[in-house]
Protein backbone atom coordinates (compact mmCIF):
# COMPACT_ATOMS: atom_id res chain seq x y z
CA UNK A 1 -2.55 -33.61 12.51
CA UNK A 2 0.77 -33.07 14.36
CA UNK A 3 2.23 -36.19 15.91
CA UNK A 4 4.87 -36.43 18.55
CA UNK A 5 7.95 -38.22 17.19
CA UNK A 6 9.09 -41.55 18.57
CA UNK A 7 12.13 -39.85 20.08
CA UNK A 8 9.99 -37.58 22.24
CA UNK A 9 10.49 -38.22 25.92
CA UNK A 10 8.93 -36.92 29.08
CA UNK A 11 11.33 -36.37 31.92
CA UNK A 12 11.35 -36.30 35.67
CA UNK A 13 13.20 -34.33 38.29
CA UNK A 14 13.44 -35.04 41.99
CA UNK A 15 14.69 -32.39 44.38
CA UNK A 16 15.93 -34.82 47.04
CA UNK A 17 17.68 -38.13 47.33
CA UNK A 18 15.29 -41.02 47.55
CA UNK A 19 15.36 -44.76 47.53
CA UNK A 20 12.86 -46.32 45.17
CA UNK A 21 11.13 -49.40 46.50
CA UNK A 22 8.90 -51.54 44.31
CA UNK A 23 5.54 -51.94 45.90
CA UNK A 24 2.99 -54.40 44.60
CA UNK A 25 -0.43 -52.85 45.00
CA UNK A 26 -3.16 -55.41 45.46
CA UNK A 27 -6.67 -54.35 44.65
CA UNK A 28 -9.34 -55.71 47.00
CA UNK A 29 -12.49 -57.04 45.44
CA UNK A 30 -15.34 -59.03 46.87
CA UNK A 31 -16.07 -62.56 45.70
CA UNK A 32 -19.43 -61.33 44.44
CA UNK A 33 -17.73 -58.72 42.26
CA UNK A 34 -15.21 -61.22 40.95
CA UNK A 35 -17.99 -63.55 39.91
CA UNK A 36 -19.93 -60.92 38.01
CA UNK A 37 -17.22 -58.89 36.24
CA UNK A 38 -13.55 -58.73 35.38
CA UNK A 39 -11.60 -56.69 37.95
CA UNK A 40 -8.10 -56.61 36.46
CA UNK A 41 -4.72 -56.06 38.03
CA UNK A 42 -1.96 -54.31 36.12
CA UNK A 43 1.75 -55.06 35.89
CA UNK A 44 3.14 -51.54 35.78
CA UNK A 45 6.71 -52.76 35.28
CA UNK A 46 5.67 -54.41 32.01
CA UNK A 47 3.31 -51.67 30.83
CA UNK A 48 5.56 -48.64 31.40
CA UNK A 49 8.95 -48.34 29.72
CA UNK A 50 9.88 -44.92 31.18
CA UNK A 51 8.79 -42.22 33.64
CA UNK A 52 7.48 -44.78 36.12
CA UNK A 53 8.87 -44.59 39.66
CA UNK A 54 7.56 -47.59 41.63
CA UNK A 55 5.99 -46.94 44.99
CA UNK A 56 5.62 -43.16 44.64
CA UNK A 57 2.25 -41.46 44.66
CA UNK A 58 0.34 -38.74 46.47
CA UNK A 59 -0.87 -39.50 49.98
CA UNK A 60 -4.55 -40.45 49.78
CA UNK A 61 -4.54 -42.42 53.03
CA UNK A 62 -7.23 -40.11 54.43
CA UNK A 63 -9.54 -41.26 51.64
CA UNK A 64 -10.21 -37.62 50.75
CA UNK A 65 -7.10 -36.06 49.20
CA UNK A 66 -7.39 -32.66 47.49
CA UNK A 67 -4.59 -31.69 45.12
CA UNK A 68 -4.56 -27.99 44.25
CA UNK A 69 -3.40 -26.59 40.92
CA UNK A 70 -2.87 -23.18 39.35
CA UNK A 71 -1.98 -21.58 36.02
CA UNK A 72 -0.92 -18.27 37.57
CA UNK A 73 2.71 -19.12 38.29
CA UNK A 74 5.23 -16.98 36.39
CA UNK A 75 8.02 -19.54 36.60
CA UNK A 76 7.42 -23.25 36.02
CA UNK A 77 10.25 -24.92 37.93
CA UNK A 78 13.27 -23.47 36.12
CA UNK A 79 11.73 -21.63 33.14
CA UNK A 80 9.66 -18.46 32.90
CA UNK A 81 6.14 -18.57 31.49
CA UNK A 82 6.20 -16.97 28.03
CA UNK A 83 2.47 -16.69 27.43
CA UNK A 84 -0.74 -17.19 29.35
CA UNK A 85 -3.48 -19.65 28.53
CA UNK A 86 -6.37 -18.25 26.53
CA UNK A 87 -9.82 -18.47 28.12
CA UNK A 88 -10.55 -21.42 25.81
CA UNK A 89 -7.32 -23.21 26.72
CA UNK A 90 -8.03 -22.67 30.41
CA UNK A 91 -11.30 -24.55 29.96
CA UNK A 92 -9.33 -27.40 28.35
CA UNK A 93 -6.92 -27.45 31.30
CA UNK A 94 -9.91 -27.83 33.62
CA UNK A 95 -11.30 -30.59 31.40
CA UNK A 96 -8.05 -32.54 31.67
CA UNK A 97 -7.86 -32.24 35.47
CA UNK A 98 -11.56 -33.09 35.77
CA UNK A 99 -11.11 -36.28 33.75
CA UNK A 100 -8.68 -37.58 36.39
CA UNK A 101 -10.86 -36.21 39.18
CA UNK A 102 -13.70 -38.30 37.75
CA UNK A 103 -11.52 -41.43 37.61
CA UNK A 104 -10.74 -41.54 41.33
CA UNK A 105 -12.86 -41.71 44.47
CA UNK A 106 -10.19 -40.67 46.99
CA UNK A 107 -8.43 -37.89 45.03
CA UNK A 108 -9.90 -34.56 43.94
CA UNK A 109 -8.38 -31.60 42.12
CA UNK A 110 -9.03 -27.97 43.04
CA UNK A 111 -8.09 -24.94 40.96
CA UNK A 112 -6.78 -22.01 43.03
CA UNK A 113 -5.60 -18.53 42.07
CA UNK A 114 -2.71 -18.32 44.57
CA UNK A 115 -0.02 -20.27 42.74
CA UNK A 116 2.28 -20.16 45.78
CA UNK A 117 -0.15 -22.47 47.57
CA UNK A 118 -0.72 -24.80 44.63
CA UNK A 119 0.54 -28.39 44.63
CA UNK A 120 0.75 -28.39 40.83
CA UNK A 121 1.59 -25.43 38.59
CA UNK A 122 1.31 -25.47 34.83
CA UNK A 123 2.20 -23.08 32.02
CA UNK A 124 3.66 -22.42 28.58
CA UNK A 125 7.45 -22.15 28.50
CA UNK A 126 10.14 -22.24 25.80
CA UNK A 127 11.07 -25.73 27.02
CA UNK A 128 14.77 -25.20 26.46
CA UNK A 129 16.82 -28.00 25.01
CA UNK A 130 18.48 -30.01 27.75
CA UNK A 131 19.61 -33.63 28.11
CA UNK A 132 16.71 -34.49 30.41
CA UNK A 133 14.02 -32.90 28.21
CA UNK A 134 15.47 -33.18 24.74
CA UNK A 135 12.79 -33.13 22.05
CA UNK A 136 9.97 -32.93 24.58
CA UNK A 137 6.66 -31.30 23.76
CA UNK A 138 5.71 -31.25 27.42
CA UNK A 139 7.62 -32.03 30.59
CA UNK A 140 6.72 -32.83 34.17
CA UNK A 141 8.67 -32.58 37.42
CA UNK A 142 7.65 -33.98 40.80
CA UNK A 143 9.00 -33.94 44.33
CA UNK A 144 8.41 -36.52 47.02
CA UNK A 145 9.53 -37.63 50.44
CA UNK A 146 9.19 -41.14 51.82
CA UNK A 147 7.62 -42.08 48.48
CA UNK A 148 4.79 -39.57 48.98
CA UNK A 149 4.53 -36.89 46.32
CA UNK A 150 3.64 -33.37 47.40
CA UNK A 151 4.55 -30.97 44.58
CA UNK A 152 4.79 -30.98 40.79
CA UNK A 153 5.08 -28.78 37.71
CA UNK A 154 3.96 -29.25 34.12
CA UNK A 155 5.57 -27.41 31.23
CA UNK A 156 4.04 -27.10 27.76
CA UNK A 157 6.19 -26.06 24.80
CA UNK A 158 4.82 -22.67 23.74
CA UNK A 159 6.05 -22.86 20.13
CA UNK A 160 3.79 -25.86 19.32
CA UNK A 161 0.80 -23.64 18.56
CA UNK A 162 -0.58 -25.91 15.81
CA UNK A 163 -0.66 -28.95 18.09
CA UNK A 164 -2.03 -27.17 21.13
CA UNK A 165 -4.66 -25.25 19.13
CA UNK A 166 -6.62 -28.50 18.78
CA UNK A 167 -8.78 -29.18 21.84
CA UNK A 168 -8.45 -32.96 21.75
CA UNK A 169 -4.65 -32.82 21.39
CA UNK A 170 -4.28 -30.21 24.11
CA UNK A 171 -6.38 -32.23 26.56
CA UNK A 172 -4.64 -35.49 25.62
CA UNK A 173 -1.21 -34.00 26.31
CA UNK A 174 -2.30 -32.70 29.71
CA UNK A 175 -4.05 -35.94 30.60
CA UNK A 176 -0.76 -37.79 30.13
CA UNK A 177 1.24 -35.19 32.07
CA UNK A 178 -1.21 -35.16 34.96
CA UNK A 179 -1.22 -38.97 34.93
CA UNK A 180 2.59 -38.92 35.13
CA UNK A 181 2.46 -36.43 37.97
CA UNK A 182 0.05 -38.74 39.82
CA UNK A 183 2.51 -41.63 39.52
CA UNK A 184 2.06 -43.61 36.30
CA UNK A 185 4.60 -43.78 33.47
CA UNK A 186 4.73 -43.83 29.68
CA UNK A 187 3.64 -46.93 27.76
CA UNK A 188 4.57 -48.33 24.39
CA UNK A 189 1.64 -48.01 21.96
CA UNK A 190 -0.31 -51.25 21.68
CA UNK A 191 -3.44 -52.63 20.07
CA UNK A 192 -4.23 -54.35 23.38
CA UNK A 193 -5.33 -51.14 25.11
CA UNK A 194 -6.33 -47.51 24.63
CA UNK A 195 -4.32 -45.20 26.87
CA UNK A 196 -3.24 -41.58 27.20
CA UNK A 197 0.09 -42.95 28.42
CA UNK A 198 1.03 -44.33 24.99
CA UNK A 199 4.27 -42.63 23.90
CA UNK A 200 4.35 -41.53 21.13
CA UNK A 201 0.77 -40.35 21.33
CA UNK A 202 -1.87 -42.56 19.73
CA UNK A 203 -5.46 -41.61 18.92
CA UNK A 204 -8.14 -41.24 20.02
CA UNK A 205 -6.96 -37.97 21.56
CA UNK A 206 -8.42 -36.34 24.66
CA UNK A 207 -11.11 -38.90 25.43
CA UNK A 208 -13.48 -37.94 28.25
CA UNK A 209 -14.08 -40.01 30.26
CA UNK A 210 -10.70 -41.70 30.30
CA UNK A 211 -10.54 -45.28 29.09
CA UNK A 212 -11.29 -48.09 31.55
CA UNK A 213 -7.66 -49.15 31.09
CA UNK A 214 -6.28 -45.81 32.31
CA UNK A 215 -8.91 -45.46 35.02
CA UNK A 216 -8.23 -48.97 36.28
CA UNK A 217 -4.46 -48.43 36.41
CA UNK A 218 -4.78 -45.18 38.33
CA UNK A 219 -7.28 -46.68 40.76
CA UNK A 220 -4.92 -49.60 41.35
CA UNK A 221 -2.08 -47.17 42.08
CA UNK A 222 -4.26 -45.43 44.66
CA UNK A 223 -5.65 -48.60 46.22
CA UNK A 224 -9.14 -48.32 44.76
CA UNK A 225 -11.25 -50.99 43.09
CA UNK A 226 -10.37 -51.78 39.48
CA UNK A 227 -13.84 -53.23 38.82
CA UNK A 228 -15.31 -51.11 35.99
CA UNK A 229 -18.70 -51.05 37.70
CA UNK A 230 -17.13 -49.00 40.52
CA UNK A 231 -15.64 -46.31 38.24
CA UNK A 232 -17.36 -42.96 38.90
CA UNK A 233 -17.71 -42.24 35.17
CA UNK A 234 -19.31 -45.65 34.58
CA UNK A 235 -21.60 -45.23 37.58
CA UNK A 236 -22.65 -41.83 36.26
CA UNK A 237 -23.16 -43.23 32.75
CA UNK A 238 -25.24 -46.10 34.16
CA UNK A 239 -27.25 -43.62 36.22
CA UNK A 240 -27.82 -41.40 33.18
CA UNK A 241 -28.84 -44.43 31.11
CA UNK A 242 -31.26 -45.51 33.84
CA UNK A 243 -32.68 -41.98 33.98
CA UNK A 244 -33.15 -41.95 30.20
CA UNK A 245 -34.78 -45.38 30.30
CA UNK A 246 -37.10 -44.25 33.10
CA UNK A 247 -37.94 -41.07 31.15
CA UNK A 248 -38.60 -43.15 28.02
CA UNK A 249 -40.78 -45.52 30.06
CA UNK A 250 -42.74 -42.58 31.49
CA UNK A 251 -43.17 -41.10 28.01
CA UNK A 252 -44.31 -44.48 26.67
CA UNK A 253 -46.73 -44.85 29.58
CA UNK A 254 -48.08 -41.34 28.99
CA UNK A 255 -48.57 -42.10 25.28
CA UNK A 256 -50.24 -45.41 26.10
CA UNK A 257 -52.55 -43.60 28.53
CA UNK A 258 -53.36 -40.93 25.92
CA UNK A 259 -54.07 -43.63 23.33
CA UNK A 260 -56.24 -45.47 25.85
CA UNK A 261 -58.14 -42.29 26.64
CA UNK A 262 -58.63 -41.60 22.91
CA UNK A 263 -59.94 -45.11 22.31
CA UNK A 264 -62.22 -44.79 25.34
CA UNK A 265 -63.53 -41.49 23.96
CA UNK A 266 -64.14 -43.02 20.56
CA UNK A 267 -65.92 -46.00 22.13
CA UNK A 268 -68.02 -43.64 24.26
CA UNK A 269 -68.90 -41.55 21.21
CA UNK A 270 -69.81 -44.69 19.27
CA UNK A 271 -71.91 -45.93 22.17
CA UNK A 272 -73.64 -42.58 22.43
CA UNK A 273 -74.32 -42.61 18.71
CA UNK A 274 -76.04 -45.97 19.08
CA UNK A 275 -78.56 -44.32 21.39
CA UNK A 276 -79.51 -41.65 18.84
CA UNK A 277 -82.06 -42.25 16.09
CA UNK A 278 -80.98 -41.57 12.51
CA UNK A 279 -81.56 -38.13 11.09
CA UNK A 280 -84.87 -37.93 9.14
CA UNK A 281 -84.16 -38.75 5.51
CA UNK A 282 -85.63 -36.77 2.60
CA UNK A 283 -87.00 -38.32 -0.57
CA UNK A 284 -88.37 -37.39 -3.98
CA UNK A 285 -90.47 -39.55 -6.34
CA UNK A 286 -91.15 -39.65 -10.07
CA UNK A 287 -93.13 -42.01 -12.27
CA UNK A 288 -90.73 -43.26 -14.93
CA UNK A 289 -92.92 -45.79 -16.71
CA UNK A 290 -96.37 -47.35 -16.61
CA UNK A 291 -97.04 -48.77 -13.16
CA UNK A 292 -93.57 -47.76 -11.97
CA UNK A 293 -92.26 -45.20 -9.47
CA UNK A 294 -88.67 -44.17 -8.77
CA UNK A 295 -87.85 -43.12 -5.20
CA UNK A 296 -84.81 -40.94 -4.81
CA UNK A 297 -83.09 -40.70 -1.41
CA UNK A 298 -81.94 -37.09 -1.42
CA UNK A 299 -80.72 -36.88 2.20
CA UNK A 300 -79.72 -40.24 3.71
CA UNK A 301 -80.45 -40.83 7.34
CA UNK A 302 -76.74 -41.06 8.12
CA UNK A 303 -76.26 -37.35 7.54
CA UNK A 304 -76.27 -34.70 10.23
CA UNK A 305 -75.93 -35.63 13.88
CA UNK A 306 -78.14 -38.68 13.77
CA UNK A 307 -77.14 -42.19 14.67
CA UNK A 308 -76.23 -44.91 12.18
CA UNK A 309 -78.78 -46.49 9.81
CA UNK A 310 -79.00 -50.27 9.53
CA UNK A 311 -81.81 -50.36 6.93
CA UNK A 312 -84.51 -48.38 5.11
CA UNK A 313 -88.15 -49.38 4.60
CA UNK A 314 -90.89 -47.86 2.42
CA UNK A 315 -94.67 -48.02 3.05
CA UNK A 316 -96.89 -49.62 0.47
CA UNK A 317 -100.44 -50.89 0.81
CA UNK A 318 -100.30 -50.63 4.59
CA UNK A 319 -97.05 -52.59 4.89
CA UNK A 320 -93.42 -51.72 5.48
CA UNK A 321 -91.13 -53.19 2.83
CA UNK A 322 -87.33 -53.27 2.99
CA UNK A 323 -85.88 -50.70 0.59
CA UNK A 324 -82.59 -51.49 -1.16
CA UNK A 325 -81.30 -48.28 -2.70
CA UNK A 326 -78.63 -48.48 -5.40
CA UNK A 327 -75.32 -46.59 -5.38
CA UNK A 328 -77.14 -43.54 -6.73
CA UNK A 329 -79.56 -43.68 -3.79
CA UNK A 330 -82.41 -44.71 -6.10
CA UNK A 331 -85.10 -47.39 -5.68
CA UNK A 332 -87.50 -48.57 -8.42
CA UNK A 333 -90.96 -49.77 -7.33
CA UNK A 334 -92.96 -51.68 -9.94
CA UNK A 335 -96.43 -53.19 -10.34
CA UNK A 336 -98.21 -50.10 -9.11
CA UNK A 337 -101.76 -49.26 -10.17
CA UNK A 338 -101.71 -47.05 -13.23
CA UNK A 339 -103.51 -43.72 -12.89
CA UNK A 340 -103.68 -44.04 -9.10
CA UNK A 341 -102.36 -41.38 -6.78
CA UNK A 342 -99.79 -42.90 -4.41
CA UNK A 343 -98.23 -41.41 -1.30
CA UNK A 344 -94.64 -42.47 -0.60
CA UNK A 345 -92.49 -42.10 2.51
CA UNK A 346 -89.70 -44.15 4.07
CA UNK A 347 -88.27 -44.80 7.49
CA UNK A 348 -84.64 -45.03 8.52
CA UNK A 349 -84.02 -47.70 11.16
CA UNK A 350 -80.93 -47.78 13.38
CA UNK A 351 -79.76 -49.07 16.78
CA UNK A 352 -80.86 -45.82 18.36
CA UNK A 353 -84.34 -45.71 16.91
CA UNK A 354 -86.42 -44.89 13.85
CA UNK A 355 -86.94 -41.66 11.93
CA UNK A 356 -89.46 -41.02 9.17
CA UNK A 357 -88.94 -39.08 5.97
CA UNK A 358 -91.07 -36.48 4.30
CA UNK A 359 -94.04 -37.78 2.30
CA UNK A 360 -94.34 -37.43 -1.46
CA UNK A 361 -97.62 -37.81 -3.41
CA UNK A 362 -97.19 -39.14 -6.92
CA UNK A 363 -99.68 -40.00 -9.71
CA UNK A 364 -98.58 -43.24 -11.27
CA UNK A 365 -98.58 -43.51 -15.05
C-alpha cells in the first residue's frame, strides 16, 4: 500500500496579512457529565507540529454554520484541474465531508454545483513543485480575516493514481485536508491516539466515523462539548444499538409468546384427550395347551383417535381381572376348564372412560 514519506508536508497560504493570536478554547461541561465520563481538553500546541494556526477557524457563532463545497472549479487556487473525479471518487469526496459533518453540531457541509459560490473547492491538479508544497501529495490553502476563515481550496496530486484508487486512502487524505481547512494541524504519529492528522499517514485509513480523538479536538476548536456521549456519531450508534436491543427484545417476546401458545395448545390437547375414552381394542384367542388360552391384543386401545389407556382387564367367570400383556401384546390365561367353550373379551380403561373389545369364543383344550 502506498505510504506518504516522512518528508511530505501540507502547506498553507493566506491572501492577507494577519496577526495570529493564541486562543485557549475551554470546553464547558456540566458537573454531572464530568462525574460520569471523561471529557478531555486538548493541547493543540503540543499535538500539532505544523499547519496549525492558533485562533483561526470558521465562524460558527450562529450555532448553525453551513460551509459549501464544490468539485466543479476548473482552477484550484493557482493550478488548473487536470482531470475530473470519477462518479465513484465523487462519492468518496462526499463521504469525507460527511464524516466531519457528523462530528460537529454547529457546522454542516453542503455540496453545490456553482463553484463560484462555494466556500471550499477541490480537484486534481499536477501539484507543481514549489518550496511551499514540495513533495506534497495534497495541499490546502485557506483565507481568513480577523481570525475567521471564509474560503479554502484543496488540491490532490493527479499522478498518484495508485494511492487515490483505494477508497480508504482517498477518504483518509481528504479527511486530513478538510480537517486542516477547518483549523487543525498535522500531528506526529503516536501510539497514544488514532488520528487522520498523523503525518505521515498512519492506518487505519479512512475511518468512518472519525475517531473520538479527532472528533473531540474539532469540537473543542468549535466550542462544542468534548464528552464522547455528546458526539453525534456516538449518539447515533447508541440509538441504533438501543433500536437493535428493542427489536431483539420484541423478537424474544414474540418467540416466548409463540412458545407459550404452543405449550398451551399441547396442554389443551392433552386435557381434551383425557376426556376421550380409549379406542376399542381388538383381540384374538387360541388355545395353546391343556387348560390354557393365549389372548392376543391385535389393536391396542391407544391407537386411533382415542384417549390414553391406563390398564386392560379381561372377563373371566363373571369377574374383571387385570390383564398384563407382554411386549408382544400377548397374555396367557391358565387353569381353564378343558373341553369347555369360553368367551373372551377385554376392556381398555383410561382417564376419559372405558371401551370394550370384540368378543372371541374359544374351545379350551
